[in-house]
Structure formats: C-alpha cells, structure tokens
N, C-alpha and C. Protein backbone atom coordinates (compact mmCIF):
# COMPACT_ATOMS: atom_id res chain seq x y z
N UNK A 1 84.05 10.26 3.85
CA UNK A 1 84.51 11.18 2.85
C UNK A 1 83.54 11.27 1.68
N UNK A 2 83.04 10.13 1.24
CA UNK A 2 82.13 10.11 0.10
C UNK A 2 80.85 10.87 0.43
N UNK A 3 80.34 10.71 1.64
CA UNK A 3 79.12 11.41 2.04
C UNK A 3 79.33 12.92 2.04
N UNK A 4 80.48 13.36 2.50
CA UNK A 4 80.79 14.79 2.50
C UNK A 4 80.88 15.31 1.08
N UNK A 5 81.53 14.57 0.21
CA UNK A 5 81.65 14.96 -1.19
C UNK A 5 80.26 15.06 -1.84
N UNK A 6 79.42 14.05 -1.62
CA UNK A 6 78.07 14.08 -2.18
C UNK A 6 77.25 15.24 -1.64
N UNK A 7 77.41 15.54 -0.37
CA UNK A 7 76.67 16.64 0.23
C UNK A 7 77.03 17.97 -0.45
N UNK A 8 78.27 18.14 -0.80
CA UNK A 8 78.69 19.37 -1.47
C UNK A 8 78.24 19.41 -2.93
N UNK A 9 78.21 18.26 -3.57
CA UNK A 9 77.83 18.19 -4.98
C UNK A 9 76.33 18.37 -5.16
N UNK A 10 75.53 17.75 -4.31
CA UNK A 10 74.08 17.69 -4.49
C UNK A 10 73.39 19.03 -4.32
N UNK A 11 73.86 19.86 -3.49
CA UNK A 11 73.20 21.15 -3.27
C UNK A 11 72.14 21.06 -2.20
N UNK A 12 71.56 22.20 -1.89
CA UNK A 12 70.62 22.27 -0.79
C UNK A 12 69.23 21.75 -1.14
N UNK A 13 68.79 21.85 -2.40
CA UNK A 13 67.43 21.44 -2.73
C UNK A 13 67.29 19.94 -2.94
N UNK A 14 68.36 19.21 -3.04
CA UNK A 14 68.29 17.78 -3.30
C UNK A 14 67.50 17.02 -2.24
N UNK A 15 67.71 17.25 -0.95
CA UNK A 15 66.92 16.49 0.03
C UNK A 15 65.41 16.76 -0.12
N UNK A 16 65.04 17.99 -0.40
CA UNK A 16 63.63 18.30 -0.57
C UNK A 16 63.08 17.59 -1.81
N UNK A 17 63.84 17.63 -2.91
CA UNK A 17 63.41 16.97 -4.13
C UNK A 17 63.30 15.47 -3.91
N UNK A 18 64.20 14.92 -3.13
CA UNK A 18 64.19 13.48 -2.88
C UNK A 18 62.97 13.08 -2.07
N UNK A 19 62.46 13.95 -1.22
CA UNK A 19 61.25 13.61 -0.47
C UNK A 19 59.99 13.92 -1.26
N UNK A 20 60.03 14.89 -2.17
CA UNK A 20 58.86 15.23 -2.97
C UNK A 20 58.53 14.14 -3.97
N UNK A 21 59.52 13.55 -4.58
CA UNK A 21 59.28 12.54 -5.60
C UNK A 21 58.57 11.31 -5.05
N UNK A 22 59.02 10.73 -3.93
CA UNK A 22 58.28 9.58 -3.37
C UNK A 22 56.87 9.97 -2.93
N UNK A 23 56.70 11.18 -2.38
CA UNK A 23 55.36 11.61 -1.97
C UNK A 23 54.43 11.71 -3.17
N UNK A 24 54.93 12.24 -4.27
CA UNK A 24 54.11 12.34 -5.48
C UNK A 24 53.78 10.95 -6.03
N UNK A 25 54.73 10.05 -5.97
CA UNK A 25 54.51 8.68 -6.43
C UNK A 25 53.45 8.00 -5.58
N UNK A 26 53.54 8.16 -4.27
CA UNK A 26 52.54 7.56 -3.38
C UNK A 26 51.16 8.16 -3.62
N UNK A 27 51.08 9.45 -3.84
CA UNK A 27 49.80 10.10 -4.11
C UNK A 27 49.21 9.59 -5.42
N UNK A 28 50.05 9.43 -6.44
CA UNK A 28 49.58 8.92 -7.73
C UNK A 28 49.08 7.49 -7.59
N UNK A 29 49.81 6.69 -6.87
CA UNK A 29 49.42 5.29 -6.67
C UNK A 29 48.09 5.21 -5.92
N UNK A 30 47.92 6.08 -4.92
CA UNK A 30 46.68 6.11 -4.17
C UNK A 30 45.51 6.49 -5.06
N UNK A 31 45.70 7.46 -5.92
CA UNK A 31 44.65 7.89 -6.85
C UNK A 31 44.26 6.76 -7.78
N UNK A 32 45.24 6.06 -8.33
CA UNK A 32 44.95 4.94 -9.23
C UNK A 32 44.23 3.83 -8.48
N UNK A 33 44.68 3.53 -7.27
CA UNK A 33 44.02 2.48 -6.48
C UNK A 33 42.58 2.85 -6.14
N UNK A 34 42.33 4.11 -5.84
CA UNK A 34 40.96 4.54 -5.55
C UNK A 34 40.09 4.42 -6.79
N UNK A 35 40.62 4.82 -7.94
CA UNK A 35 39.86 4.70 -9.19
C UNK A 35 39.56 3.24 -9.51
N UNK A 36 40.53 2.37 -9.29
CA UNK A 36 40.31 0.93 -9.50
C UNK A 36 39.21 0.43 -8.57
N UNK A 37 39.24 0.88 -7.33
CA UNK A 37 38.22 0.47 -6.36
C UNK A 37 36.82 0.89 -6.80
N UNK A 38 36.71 2.07 -7.38
CA UNK A 38 35.41 2.54 -7.88
C UNK A 38 34.93 1.63 -9.01
N UNK A 39 35.84 1.30 -9.93
CA UNK A 39 35.46 0.40 -11.03
C UNK A 39 35.09 -0.99 -10.52
N UNK A 40 35.81 -1.46 -9.51
CA UNK A 40 35.50 -2.76 -8.92
C UNK A 40 34.08 -2.76 -8.36
N UNK A 41 33.76 -1.73 -7.62
CA UNK A 41 32.45 -1.66 -6.97
C UNK A 41 31.32 -1.44 -7.96
N UNK A 42 31.49 -0.50 -8.86
CA UNK A 42 30.39 -0.13 -9.76
C UNK A 42 30.19 -1.07 -10.93
N UNK A 43 31.27 -1.70 -11.39
CA UNK A 43 31.16 -2.52 -12.60
C UNK A 43 31.51 -3.99 -12.36
N UNK A 44 31.81 -4.36 -11.13
CA UNK A 44 32.12 -5.75 -10.81
C UNK A 44 33.35 -6.29 -11.51
N UNK A 45 34.31 -5.42 -11.77
CA UNK A 45 35.54 -5.82 -12.45
C UNK A 45 36.53 -6.42 -11.46
N UNK A 46 37.47 -7.17 -12.00
CA UNK A 46 38.60 -7.61 -11.17
C UNK A 46 39.59 -6.45 -11.08
N UNK A 47 40.53 -6.56 -10.18
CA UNK A 47 41.56 -5.53 -10.03
C UNK A 47 42.33 -5.36 -11.34
N UNK A 48 42.66 -6.47 -11.98
CA UNK A 48 43.42 -6.42 -13.23
C UNK A 48 42.60 -5.77 -14.35
N UNK A 49 41.32 -6.13 -14.44
CA UNK A 49 40.46 -5.52 -15.46
C UNK A 49 40.33 -4.02 -15.25
N UNK A 50 40.17 -3.61 -14.00
CA UNK A 50 40.03 -2.19 -13.69
C UNK A 50 41.29 -1.42 -14.09
N UNK A 51 42.44 -1.97 -13.76
CA UNK A 51 43.69 -1.31 -14.10
C UNK A 51 43.88 -1.24 -15.61
N UNK A 52 43.54 -2.32 -16.31
CA UNK A 52 43.64 -2.32 -17.77
C UNK A 52 42.72 -1.27 -18.38
N UNK A 53 41.53 -1.12 -17.83
CA UNK A 53 40.61 -0.10 -18.35
C UNK A 53 41.15 1.30 -18.13
N UNK A 54 41.71 1.55 -16.93
CA UNK A 54 42.29 2.86 -16.66
C UNK A 54 43.44 3.17 -17.61
N UNK A 55 44.28 2.19 -17.86
CA UNK A 55 45.41 2.38 -18.77
C UNK A 55 44.91 2.66 -20.18
N UNK A 56 43.91 1.89 -20.64
CA UNK A 56 43.35 2.10 -21.98
C UNK A 56 42.71 3.48 -22.10
N UNK A 57 41.93 3.86 -21.09
CA UNK A 57 41.28 5.17 -21.11
C UNK A 57 42.30 6.30 -21.10
N UNK A 58 43.37 6.14 -20.32
CA UNK A 58 44.42 7.16 -20.26
C UNK A 58 45.12 7.27 -21.60
N UNK A 59 45.38 6.16 -22.23
CA UNK A 59 46.04 6.15 -23.54
C UNK A 59 45.16 6.84 -24.57
N UNK A 60 43.85 6.50 -24.57
CA UNK A 60 42.92 7.12 -25.50
C UNK A 60 42.81 8.62 -25.27
N UNK A 61 42.73 9.03 -24.01
CA UNK A 61 42.62 10.46 -23.67
C UNK A 61 43.88 11.20 -24.09
N UNK A 62 45.04 10.58 -23.89
CA UNK A 62 46.29 11.22 -24.29
C UNK A 62 46.36 11.36 -25.80
N UNK A 63 45.90 10.35 -26.52
CA UNK A 63 45.90 10.41 -27.98
C UNK A 63 45.00 11.54 -28.48
N UNK A 64 43.82 11.67 -27.88
CA UNK A 64 42.90 12.74 -28.27
C UNK A 64 43.50 14.11 -27.95
N UNK A 65 44.08 14.24 -26.76
CA UNK A 65 44.68 15.52 -26.34
C UNK A 65 45.82 15.91 -27.26
N UNK A 66 46.68 14.97 -27.59
CA UNK A 66 47.81 15.25 -28.48
C UNK A 66 47.30 15.63 -29.87
N UNK A 67 46.27 14.95 -30.35
CA UNK A 67 45.69 15.27 -31.65
C UNK A 67 45.09 16.67 -31.66
N UNK A 68 44.38 17.02 -30.59
CA UNK A 68 43.80 18.36 -30.48
C UNK A 68 44.89 19.43 -30.46
N UNK A 69 45.97 19.17 -29.76
CA UNK A 69 47.07 20.14 -29.70
C UNK A 69 47.69 20.31 -31.09
N UNK A 70 47.86 19.23 -31.80
CA UNK A 70 48.43 19.31 -33.15
C UNK A 70 47.52 20.10 -34.08
N UNK A 71 46.23 19.81 -34.03
CA UNK A 71 45.27 20.51 -34.88
C UNK A 71 45.27 22.00 -34.57
N UNK A 72 45.35 22.35 -33.30
CA UNK A 72 45.32 23.77 -32.89
C UNK A 72 46.55 24.52 -33.42
N UNK A 73 47.66 23.84 -33.61
CA UNK A 73 48.89 24.48 -34.07
C UNK A 73 48.95 24.67 -35.58
N UNK A 74 48.17 23.91 -36.32
CA UNK A 74 48.24 23.96 -37.78
C UNK A 74 47.19 24.94 -38.29
N UNK A 75 47.64 25.93 -39.07
CA UNK A 75 46.66 26.89 -39.62
C UNK A 75 45.75 26.21 -40.64
N UNK A 76 44.53 26.70 -40.78
CA UNK A 76 43.61 26.10 -41.77
C UNK A 76 44.14 26.29 -43.18
N UNK A 77 43.78 25.37 -44.05
CA UNK A 77 44.21 25.42 -45.45
C UNK A 77 43.28 26.37 -46.19
N UNK A 78 43.89 27.30 -46.92
CA UNK A 78 43.09 28.25 -47.72
C UNK A 78 42.77 27.61 -49.06
N UNK A 79 41.55 27.81 -49.50
CA UNK A 79 41.12 27.20 -50.78
C UNK A 79 40.83 28.25 -51.78
C-alpha cells in the first residue's frame, strides 16, 4: 500500500530525477579524481594535498566570481 501511495505522490519525473542525481554525482567525483591525479603526477602531491589545493582554488575562484558579479551590479559613483 505504501509503495502505491508513494507512486501516486511522486509523479512521473521522479524516477528520472532519481537516476540523474547519482549520475551527476558520479561524474563530478570522476572529474575531481582526474584533476587530483593530474596534480599528483605533475606536482608530486599526495592525494590529500591535491584535494586541498582543488578546494582552495575553487573557494578562491568562487570568491573572485562573486566579487565580480557584485561589482557589475553596482553603478559607478558620480563625482
């Protein structure tokens, strides 16, 4: 009974969405692992060091992007 009730509540797109999310997660994880592998090979880093560098670089890039977006929204000050 519960399965039938859930099937009616969830709608038709739920199964597709449920398979898309894990696929996207796996693709993201693969991309991060490949980037870590490149850092390992080119810079002789450990897996942990490579991951920490990627996280730091992503944080810095996000900060710059957010700052640029904020600056673009604010009109210049007239003097």
